[in-house]
């Protein structure tokens, strides 16, 4: 962008979860415009929680563009294959899914079943964020947001400058 201006930061968290709540809490302070995509409105019941700047039921309504980072916050949901395929077909800058990096994520098999080519499956980041030993939803959100900022700034993250 001209005059050193930064491109807009957009973050779409797919699925209501403790991690998505922390992503939105911290993300707003870091300048992200946030959107929650939750296909199942029953999961939004109970005590009011932060749902980002916008809440929608499907990814197309979130209108991801080239400034958008998309993160699926639950790798156990049956919708992951279809949602990731839709994200891969779009313009998103970055796409990731949470999960244990020691095991192949279930998204890989889900995308293969849908006929998604391996090169496209490889665009889905996992693990996500910086390796800080995250365990809690807040730590996962901090590591993820720090990783996204480093990636946007062309930096490796960590202590190397």
N, C-alpha and C. Protein backbone atom coordinates (compact mmCIF):
# COMPACT_ATOMS: atom_id res chain seq x y z
N UNK A 1 0.84 -1.18 0.00
CA UNK A 1 0.00 0.00 0.00
C UNK A 1 0.89 1.24 0.00
N UNK A 2 0.34 2.33 -0.44
CA UNK A 2 1.13 3.55 -0.55
C UNK A 2 1.39 4.19 0.81
N UNK A 3 2.47 4.96 0.88
CA UNK A 3 2.82 5.73 2.07
C UNK A 3 2.95 4.89 3.32
N UNK A 4 3.34 3.62 3.19
CA UNK A 4 3.56 2.77 4.35
C UNK A 4 2.29 2.35 5.06
N UNK A 5 1.12 2.61 4.48
CA UNK A 5 -0.12 2.22 5.12
C UNK A 5 -0.25 0.69 5.09
N UNK A 6 -0.77 0.13 6.16
CA UNK A 6 -0.97 -1.31 6.23
C UNK A 6 -2.30 -1.68 5.60
N UNK A 7 -2.33 -2.89 5.04
CA UNK A 7 -3.60 -3.39 4.52
C UNK A 7 -4.51 -3.71 5.71
N UNK A 8 -5.81 -3.69 5.47
CA UNK A 8 -6.73 -3.99 6.57
C UNK A 8 -6.50 -5.42 7.07
N UNK A 9 -6.71 -5.60 8.34
CA UNK A 9 -6.59 -6.92 8.94
C UNK A 9 -8.00 -7.46 9.18
N UNK A 10 -8.32 -8.57 8.53
CA UNK A 10 -9.61 -9.22 8.74
C UNK A 10 -9.36 -10.62 9.23
N UNK A 11 -10.11 -11.03 10.25
CA UNK A 11 -9.99 -12.37 10.81
C UNK A 11 -11.37 -12.99 10.88
N UNK A 12 -11.49 -14.14 10.24
CA UNK A 12 -12.71 -14.93 10.33
C UNK A 12 -12.39 -16.17 11.14
N UNK A 13 -13.06 -16.32 12.28
CA UNK A 13 -12.95 -17.54 13.06
C UNK A 13 -14.19 -18.37 12.76
N UNK A 14 -13.97 -19.60 12.34
CA UNK A 14 -15.07 -20.49 12.03
C UNK A 14 -15.29 -21.39 13.23
N UNK A 15 -16.48 -21.39 13.75
CA UNK A 15 -16.98 -22.17 14.88
C UNK A 15 -16.81 -21.43 16.20
N UNK A 16 -17.89 -21.32 16.91
CA UNK A 16 -17.90 -20.77 18.27
C UNK A 16 -17.09 -21.70 19.16
N UNK A 17 -16.15 -21.15 19.88
CA UNK A 17 -15.31 -21.94 20.78
C UNK A 17 -14.62 -20.99 21.76
N UNK A 18 -14.05 -21.53 22.83
CA UNK A 18 -13.27 -20.67 23.73
C UNK A 18 -12.11 -19.98 23.00
N UNK A 19 -11.51 -20.65 22.02
CA UNK A 19 -10.41 -20.03 21.28
C UNK A 19 -10.93 -18.87 20.43
N UNK A 20 -12.07 -19.05 19.75
CA UNK A 20 -12.59 -17.94 18.94
C UNK A 20 -12.93 -16.74 19.82
N UNK A 21 -13.44 -16.99 21.01
CA UNK A 21 -13.73 -15.88 21.93
C UNK A 21 -12.47 -15.11 22.28
N UNK A 22 -11.38 -15.82 22.54
CA UNK A 22 -10.11 -15.15 22.87
C UNK A 22 -9.52 -14.46 21.64
N UNK A 23 -9.64 -15.07 20.47
CA UNK A 23 -9.17 -14.43 19.24
C UNK A 23 -9.84 -13.07 19.06
N UNK A 24 -11.13 -13.01 19.32
CA UNK A 24 -11.86 -11.76 19.14
C UNK A 24 -11.51 -10.76 20.23
N UNK A 25 -11.36 -11.22 21.46
CA UNK A 25 -11.02 -10.32 22.56
C UNK A 25 -9.68 -9.63 22.30
N UNK A 26 -8.67 -10.42 21.90
CA UNK A 26 -7.35 -9.86 21.65
C UNK A 26 -7.25 -9.24 20.26
N UNK A 27 -7.93 -9.84 19.30
CA UNK A 27 -7.83 -9.39 17.91
C UNK A 27 -8.26 -7.95 17.71
N UNK A 28 -9.31 -7.55 18.41
CA UNK A 28 -9.78 -6.17 18.26
C UNK A 28 -8.71 -5.18 18.73
N UNK A 29 -7.98 -5.53 19.76
CA UNK A 29 -6.91 -4.67 20.26
C UNK A 29 -5.74 -4.59 19.29
N UNK A 30 -5.62 -5.61 18.43
CA UNK A 30 -4.53 -5.66 17.46
C UNK A 30 -4.95 -5.13 16.09
N UNK A 31 -6.15 -4.60 16.01
CA UNK A 31 -6.60 -3.97 14.79
C UNK A 31 -7.28 -4.88 13.79
N UNK A 32 -7.67 -6.08 14.20
CA UNK A 32 -8.38 -6.98 13.31
C UNK A 32 -9.87 -6.65 13.31
N UNK A 33 -10.47 -6.67 12.13
CA UNK A 33 -11.93 -6.68 12.02
C UNK A 33 -12.29 -8.17 12.07
N UNK A 34 -13.18 -8.55 12.98
CA UNK A 34 -13.42 -9.97 13.23
C UNK A 34 -14.84 -10.39 12.86
N UNK A 35 -14.93 -11.62 12.39
CA UNK A 35 -16.22 -12.22 12.05
C UNK A 35 -16.23 -13.65 12.55
N UNK A 36 -17.32 -14.03 13.18
CA UNK A 36 -17.55 -15.42 13.58
C UNK A 36 -18.46 -16.06 12.55
N UNK A 37 -18.05 -17.23 12.05
CA UNK A 37 -18.91 -18.05 11.21
C UNK A 37 -19.29 -19.26 12.05
N UNK A 38 -20.58 -19.39 12.35
CA UNK A 38 -21.07 -20.54 13.11
C UNK A 38 -22.32 -21.07 12.41
N UNK A 39 -22.17 -22.22 11.70
CA UNK A 39 -23.31 -22.78 10.98
C UNK A 39 -24.45 -23.26 11.88
N UNK A 40 -24.15 -23.57 13.14
CA UNK A 40 -25.15 -24.12 14.06
C UNK A 40 -25.52 -23.08 15.11
N UNK A 41 -26.64 -22.36 14.93
CA UNK A 41 -27.00 -21.30 15.88
C UNK A 41 -27.26 -21.83 17.30
N UNK A 42 -27.52 -23.11 17.45
CA UNK A 42 -27.72 -23.67 18.79
C UNK A 42 -26.45 -23.58 19.64
N UNK A 43 -25.32 -23.51 18.99
CA UNK A 43 -24.04 -23.41 19.72
C UNK A 43 -23.79 -22.02 20.28
N UNK A 44 -24.64 -21.06 19.93
CA UNK A 44 -24.46 -19.69 20.40
C UNK A 44 -25.29 -19.39 21.64
N UNK A 45 -26.02 -20.38 22.16
CA UNK A 45 -26.88 -20.17 23.32
C UNK A 45 -26.09 -20.03 24.60
N UNK A 46 -26.80 -19.79 25.68
CA UNK A 46 -26.18 -19.67 26.99
C UNK A 46 -25.78 -18.25 27.31
N UNK A 47 -24.82 -18.12 28.22
CA UNK A 47 -24.34 -16.83 28.66
C UNK A 47 -23.78 -16.05 27.48
N UNK A 48 -24.11 -14.77 27.37
CA UNK A 48 -23.56 -13.98 26.26
C UNK A 48 -22.03 -14.00 26.26
N UNK A 49 -21.48 -14.17 25.06
CA UNK A 49 -20.03 -14.21 24.88
C UNK A 49 -19.69 -13.34 23.69
N UNK A 50 -18.43 -12.92 23.59
CA UNK A 50 -18.05 -12.11 22.43
C UNK A 50 -18.12 -12.94 21.15
N UNK A 51 -18.75 -12.41 20.12
CA UNK A 51 -18.86 -13.10 18.84
C UNK A 51 -18.22 -12.28 17.73
N UNK A 52 -17.24 -11.48 18.05
CA UNK A 52 -16.57 -10.69 17.04
C UNK A 52 -17.40 -9.48 16.64
N UNK A 53 -16.93 -8.78 15.63
CA UNK A 53 -17.64 -7.62 15.13
C UNK A 53 -18.91 -8.02 14.40
N UNK A 54 -18.88 -9.21 13.78
CA UNK A 54 -19.99 -9.70 12.97
C UNK A 54 -20.17 -11.17 13.23
N UNK A 55 -21.42 -11.63 13.18
CA UNK A 55 -21.72 -13.05 13.27
C UNK A 55 -22.54 -13.43 12.04
N UNK A 56 -22.13 -14.49 11.35
CA UNK A 56 -22.85 -15.00 10.19
C UNK A 56 -22.90 -16.52 10.27
N UNK A 57 -23.78 -17.12 9.48
CA UNK A 57 -23.95 -18.57 9.52
C UNK A 57 -23.14 -19.32 8.48
N UNK A 58 -22.62 -18.62 7.46
CA UNK A 58 -21.83 -19.33 6.46
C UNK A 58 -20.68 -18.45 5.97
N UNK A 59 -19.69 -19.10 5.41
CA UNK A 59 -18.46 -18.41 5.03
C UNK A 59 -18.69 -17.38 3.93
N UNK A 60 -19.55 -17.67 2.98
CA UNK A 60 -19.78 -16.71 1.90
C UNK A 60 -20.34 -15.39 2.43
N UNK A 61 -21.16 -15.46 3.48
CA UNK A 61 -21.72 -14.24 4.07
C UNK A 61 -20.64 -13.41 4.76
N UNK A 62 -19.54 -14.04 5.16
CA UNK A 62 -18.43 -13.33 5.79
C UNK A 62 -17.60 -12.58 4.74
N UNK A 63 -17.77 -12.91 3.47
CA UNK A 63 -17.11 -12.24 2.35
C UNK A 63 -15.59 -12.13 2.51
N UNK A 64 -14.90 -13.28 2.65
CA UNK A 64 -13.44 -13.21 2.76
C UNK A 64 -12.82 -12.60 1.50
N UNK A 65 -11.80 -11.77 1.71
CA UNK A 65 -11.09 -11.16 0.59
C UNK A 65 -9.60 -11.38 0.79
N UNK A 66 -8.79 -10.71 -0.03
CA UNK A 66 -7.34 -10.92 0.01
C UNK A 66 -6.69 -10.39 1.29
N UNK A 67 -7.43 -9.72 2.14
CA UNK A 67 -6.91 -9.23 3.42
C UNK A 67 -7.36 -10.10 4.59
N UNK A 68 -8.02 -11.22 4.28
CA UNK A 68 -8.67 -12.04 5.29
C UNK A 68 -7.85 -13.26 5.67
N UNK A 69 -7.76 -13.50 6.97
CA UNK A 69 -7.21 -14.74 7.51
C UNK A 69 -8.39 -15.54 8.05
N UNK A 70 -8.45 -16.83 7.70
CA UNK A 70 -9.54 -17.70 8.13
C UNK A 70 -8.95 -18.79 9.01
N UNK A 71 -9.54 -18.98 10.19
CA UNK A 71 -9.08 -20.02 11.11
C UNK A 71 -10.27 -20.84 11.58
N UNK A 72 -10.22 -22.15 11.31
CA UNK A 72 -11.21 -23.07 11.86
C UNK A 72 -10.75 -23.43 13.27
N UNK A 73 -11.60 -23.18 14.25
CA UNK A 73 -11.19 -23.34 15.65
C UNK A 73 -11.60 -24.68 16.26
N UNK A 74 -12.16 -25.58 15.47
CA UNK A 74 -12.56 -26.90 15.95
C UNK A 74 -12.33 -27.89 14.82
N UNK A 75 -11.47 -28.86 15.03
CA UNK A 75 -11.17 -29.81 13.96
C UNK A 75 -12.02 -31.08 14.05
N UNK A 76 -13.00 -31.10 14.96
CA UNK A 76 -13.87 -32.27 15.11
C UNK A 76 -15.23 -32.10 14.43
N UNK A 77 -15.53 -30.94 13.94
CA UNK A 77 -16.84 -30.68 13.35
C UNK A 77 -16.97 -31.33 11.97
N UNK A 78 -18.14 -31.87 11.65
CA UNK A 78 -18.30 -32.54 10.36
C UNK A 78 -18.24 -31.60 9.16
N UNK A 79 -18.39 -30.30 9.39
CA UNK A 79 -18.41 -29.33 8.29
C UNK A 79 -17.03 -28.91 7.80
N UNK A 80 -15.95 -29.42 8.44
CA UNK A 80 -14.62 -28.87 8.13
C UNK A 80 -14.23 -29.02 6.67
N UNK A 81 -14.54 -30.15 6.05
CA UNK A 81 -14.15 -30.36 4.66
C UNK A 81 -14.81 -29.35 3.74
N UNK A 82 -16.12 -29.22 3.85
CA UNK A 82 -16.85 -28.30 2.97
C UNK A 82 -16.43 -26.86 3.22
N UNK A 83 -16.25 -26.48 4.48
CA UNK A 83 -15.85 -25.10 4.78
C UNK A 83 -14.45 -24.79 4.28
N UNK A 84 -13.53 -25.73 4.47
CA UNK A 84 -12.17 -25.50 3.98
C UNK A 84 -12.11 -25.47 2.46
N UNK A 85 -12.88 -26.33 1.81
CA UNK A 85 -12.91 -26.29 0.34
C UNK A 85 -13.42 -24.93 -0.14
N UNK A 86 -14.46 -24.43 0.51
CA UNK A 86 -14.99 -23.11 0.14
C UNK A 86 -13.94 -22.03 0.38
N UNK A 87 -13.23 -22.11 1.51
CA UNK A 87 -12.18 -21.13 1.81
C UNK A 87 -11.07 -21.19 0.76
N UNK A 88 -10.67 -22.40 0.39
CA UNK A 88 -9.60 -22.57 -0.61
C UNK A 88 -10.01 -22.05 -1.98
N UNK A 89 -11.29 -22.11 -2.29
CA UNK A 89 -11.79 -21.61 -3.57
C UNK A 89 -11.88 -20.08 -3.59
N UNK A 90 -11.78 -19.45 -2.43
CA UNK A 90 -11.94 -18.00 -2.34
C UNK A 90 -10.63 -17.25 -2.42
N UNK A 91 -10.66 -16.02 -1.93
CA UNK A 91 -9.53 -15.09 -2.05
C UNK A 91 -8.74 -14.92 -0.75
N UNK A 92 -9.04 -15.67 0.30
CA UNK A 92 -8.41 -15.45 1.61
C UNK A 92 -6.89 -15.43 1.51
N UNK A 93 -6.29 -14.56 2.30
CA UNK A 93 -4.83 -14.42 2.37
C UNK A 93 -4.19 -15.64 3.02
N UNK A 94 -4.86 -16.21 4.03
CA UNK A 94 -4.29 -17.27 4.86
C UNK A 94 -5.43 -18.13 5.39
N UNK A 95 -5.23 -19.44 5.45
CA UNK A 95 -6.24 -20.37 5.94
C UNK A 95 -5.56 -21.36 6.88
N UNK A 96 -6.15 -21.56 8.06
CA UNK A 96 -5.59 -22.51 9.02
C UNK A 96 -6.67 -23.23 9.79
N UNK A 97 -6.25 -24.30 10.48
CA UNK A 97 -7.15 -25.07 11.34
C UNK A 97 -6.37 -25.50 12.57
N UNK A 98 -7.00 -25.38 13.73
CA UNK A 98 -6.36 -25.79 14.98
C UNK A 98 -6.26 -27.31 15.04
N UNK A 99 -5.31 -27.79 15.80
CA UNK A 99 -5.18 -29.22 16.01
C UNK A 99 -3.77 -29.58 16.46
N UNK A 100 -3.65 -30.80 16.94
CA UNK A 100 -2.38 -31.32 17.43
C UNK A 100 -1.44 -31.56 16.24
N UNK A 101 -0.29 -30.90 16.22
CA UNK A 101 0.61 -31.04 15.07
C UNK A 101 1.28 -32.41 14.99
N UNK A 102 1.16 -33.24 16.03
CA UNK A 102 1.80 -34.56 16.01
C UNK A 102 1.00 -35.59 15.20
N UNK A 103 -0.23 -35.26 14.84
CA UNK A 103 -1.09 -36.17 14.10
C UNK A 103 -1.64 -35.47 12.86
N UNK A 104 -1.82 -36.26 11.80
CA UNK A 104 -2.44 -35.67 10.61
C UNK A 104 -3.85 -35.22 10.97
N UNK A 105 -4.19 -34.02 10.60
CA UNK A 105 -5.51 -33.49 10.92
C UNK A 105 -6.61 -34.17 10.13
N UNK A 106 -7.79 -34.28 10.72
CA UNK A 106 -8.92 -34.88 10.00
C UNK A 106 -9.35 -34.08 8.77
N UNK A 107 -8.90 -32.84 8.69
CA UNK A 107 -9.24 -32.03 7.51
C UNK A 107 -8.61 -32.59 6.24
N UNK A 108 -7.46 -33.26 6.38
CA UNK A 108 -6.78 -33.79 5.20
C UNK A 108 -7.65 -34.85 4.54
N UNK A 109 -8.13 -35.82 5.31
CA UNK A 109 -9.00 -36.86 4.75
C UNK A 109 -10.31 -36.27 4.24
N UNK A 110 -10.86 -35.30 4.97
CA UNK A 110 -12.12 -34.68 4.55
C UNK A 110 -11.95 -33.98 3.21
N UNK A 111 -10.84 -33.30 3.01
CA UNK A 111 -10.60 -32.61 1.74
C UNK A 111 -10.30 -33.59 0.61
N UNK A 112 -9.57 -34.65 0.92
CA UNK A 112 -9.30 -35.67 -0.10
C UNK A 112 -10.61 -36.31 -0.58
N UNK A 113 -11.50 -36.60 0.36
CA UNK A 113 -12.81 -37.19 0.00
C UNK A 113 -13.59 -36.27 -0.93
N UNK A 114 -13.37 -34.97 -0.82
CA UNK A 114 -14.06 -34.00 -1.67
C UNK A 114 -13.31 -33.76 -2.99
N UNK A 115 -12.20 -34.47 -3.19
CA UNK A 115 -11.45 -34.35 -4.43
C UNK A 115 -10.55 -33.13 -4.51
N UNK A 116 -10.21 -32.54 -3.37
CA UNK A 116 -9.35 -31.37 -3.37
C UNK A 116 -7.91 -31.82 -3.63
N UNK A 117 -7.21 -31.21 -4.58
CA UNK A 117 -5.83 -31.60 -4.90
C UNK A 117 -4.89 -31.38 -3.70
N UNK A 118 -3.85 -32.22 -3.63
CA UNK A 118 -2.89 -32.15 -2.52
C UNK A 118 -2.26 -30.77 -2.39
N UNK A 119 -1.95 -30.12 -3.50
CA UNK A 119 -1.34 -28.80 -3.44
C UNK A 119 -2.26 -27.81 -2.73
N UNK A 120 -3.55 -27.93 -2.93
CA UNK A 120 -4.51 -27.06 -2.26
C UNK A 120 -4.64 -27.42 -0.78
N UNK A 121 -4.66 -28.71 -0.48
CA UNK A 121 -4.72 -29.16 0.91
C UNK A 121 -3.51 -28.60 1.67
N UNK A 122 -2.37 -28.55 1.00
CA UNK A 122 -1.15 -28.01 1.61
C UNK A 122 -1.21 -26.53 1.95
N UNK A 123 -2.18 -25.81 1.40
CA UNK A 123 -2.34 -24.38 1.72
C UNK A 123 -2.98 -24.17 3.09
N UNK A 124 -3.56 -25.23 3.66
CA UNK A 124 -4.20 -25.12 4.97
C UNK A 124 -3.12 -25.26 6.04
N UNK A 125 -2.90 -24.20 6.78
CA UNK A 125 -1.85 -24.19 7.81
C UNK A 125 -2.29 -25.01 9.03
N UNK A 126 -1.39 -25.85 9.48
CA UNK A 126 -1.57 -26.61 10.71
C UNK A 126 -0.22 -27.20 11.03
N UNK A 127 0.40 -26.89 12.13
CA UNK A 127 -0.14 -26.07 13.22
C UNK A 127 -0.22 -24.60 12.82
N UNK A 128 -0.91 -23.85 13.64
CA UNK A 128 -1.04 -22.41 13.41
C UNK A 128 -0.35 -21.67 14.55
N UNK A 129 0.09 -20.47 14.27
CA UNK A 129 0.67 -19.63 15.32
C UNK A 129 2.11 -19.97 15.63
N UNK A 130 2.62 -19.26 16.60
CA UNK A 130 4.00 -19.46 17.04
C UNK A 130 4.08 -20.59 18.04
N UNK A 131 5.20 -21.29 18.05
CA UNK A 131 5.40 -22.42 18.95
C UNK A 131 5.83 -21.91 20.32
N UNK A 132 4.84 -21.63 21.17
CA UNK A 132 5.13 -21.14 22.53
C UNK A 132 4.62 -22.13 23.58
N UNK A 133 4.24 -23.33 23.15
CA UNK A 133 3.73 -24.32 24.09
C UNK A 133 2.32 -24.01 24.57
N UNK A 134 1.51 -23.42 23.72
CA UNK A 134 0.15 -23.00 24.09
C UNK A 134 -0.69 -24.18 24.55
N UNK A 135 -1.45 -23.94 25.62
CA UNK A 135 -2.36 -24.96 26.15
C UNK A 135 -3.78 -24.41 26.31
N UNK A 136 -3.90 -23.20 26.83
CA UNK A 136 -5.21 -22.63 27.13
C UNK A 136 -5.75 -21.88 25.91
N UNK A 137 -7.05 -21.64 25.87
CA UNK A 137 -7.60 -20.86 24.75
C UNK A 137 -6.93 -19.49 24.59
N UNK A 138 -6.63 -18.82 25.69
CA UNK A 138 -5.98 -17.51 25.61
C UNK A 138 -4.58 -17.64 25.02
N UNK A 139 -3.83 -18.65 25.45
CA UNK A 139 -2.48 -18.85 24.91
C UNK A 139 -2.51 -19.21 23.43
N UNK A 140 -3.47 -20.05 23.04
CA UNK A 140 -3.60 -20.42 21.63
C UNK A 140 -3.91 -19.19 20.80
N UNK A 141 -4.80 -18.33 21.30
CA UNK A 141 -5.15 -17.10 20.59
C UNK A 141 -3.94 -16.17 20.46
N UNK A 142 -3.18 -15.99 21.53
CA UNK A 142 -1.99 -15.13 21.49
C UNK A 142 -0.98 -15.67 20.47
N UNK A 143 -0.72 -16.98 20.51
CA UNK A 143 0.24 -17.59 19.59
C UNK A 143 -0.24 -17.44 18.14
N UNK A 144 -1.53 -17.65 17.92
CA UNK A 144 -2.09 -17.56 16.57
C UNK A 144 -2.02 -16.13 16.05
N UNK A 145 -2.48 -15.19 16.84
CA UNK A 145 -2.46 -13.79 16.41
C UNK A 145 -1.03 -13.30 16.17
N UNK A 146 -0.10 -13.69 17.04
CA UNK A 146 1.30 -13.30 16.85
C UNK A 146 1.84 -13.90 15.55
N UNK A 147 1.48 -15.14 15.26
CA UNK A 147 1.91 -15.76 14.02
C UNK A 147 1.33 -15.07 12.80
N UNK A 148 0.06 -14.68 12.88
CA UNK A 148 -0.56 -13.98 11.75
C UNK A 148 0.09 -12.62 11.52
N UNK A 149 0.40 -11.93 12.59
CA UNK A 149 1.06 -10.62 12.45
C UNK A 149 2.45 -10.80 11.86
N UNK A 150 3.20 -11.79 12.35
CA UNK A 150 4.53 -12.05 11.79
C UNK A 150 4.43 -12.37 10.31
N UNK A 151 3.48 -13.23 9.93
CA UNK A 151 3.31 -13.60 8.53
C UNK A 151 2.95 -12.40 7.68
N UNK A 152 2.05 -11.57 8.16
CA UNK A 152 1.65 -10.37 7.42
C UNK A 152 2.83 -9.41 7.23
N UNK A 153 3.74 -9.39 8.20
CA UNK A 153 4.89 -8.50 8.15
C UNK A 153 6.12 -9.14 7.53
N UNK A 154 5.96 -10.37 7.02
CA UNK A 154 7.09 -11.04 6.39
C UNK A 154 8.20 -11.42 7.37
N UNK A 155 7.82 -11.70 8.60
CA UNK A 155 8.80 -12.04 9.64
C UNK A 155 8.62 -13.50 10.09
N UNK A 156 9.68 -14.13 10.60
CA UNK A 156 9.55 -15.52 11.01
C UNK A 156 8.88 -15.71 12.37
N UNK A 157 8.77 -14.64 13.16
CA UNK A 157 8.29 -14.81 14.53
C UNK A 157 9.43 -15.33 15.40
N UNK A 158 9.27 -15.27 16.69
CA UNK A 158 10.31 -15.76 17.58
C UNK A 158 11.31 -14.67 17.94
N UNK A 159 12.51 -15.12 18.34
CA UNK A 159 13.50 -14.19 18.86
C UNK A 159 14.56 -13.78 17.84
N UNK A 160 14.43 -14.26 16.61
CA UNK A 160 15.37 -13.87 15.56
C UNK A 160 14.92 -12.55 14.96
N UNK A 161 15.84 -11.57 14.84
CA UNK A 161 15.52 -10.28 14.23
C UNK A 161 16.42 -10.08 13.05
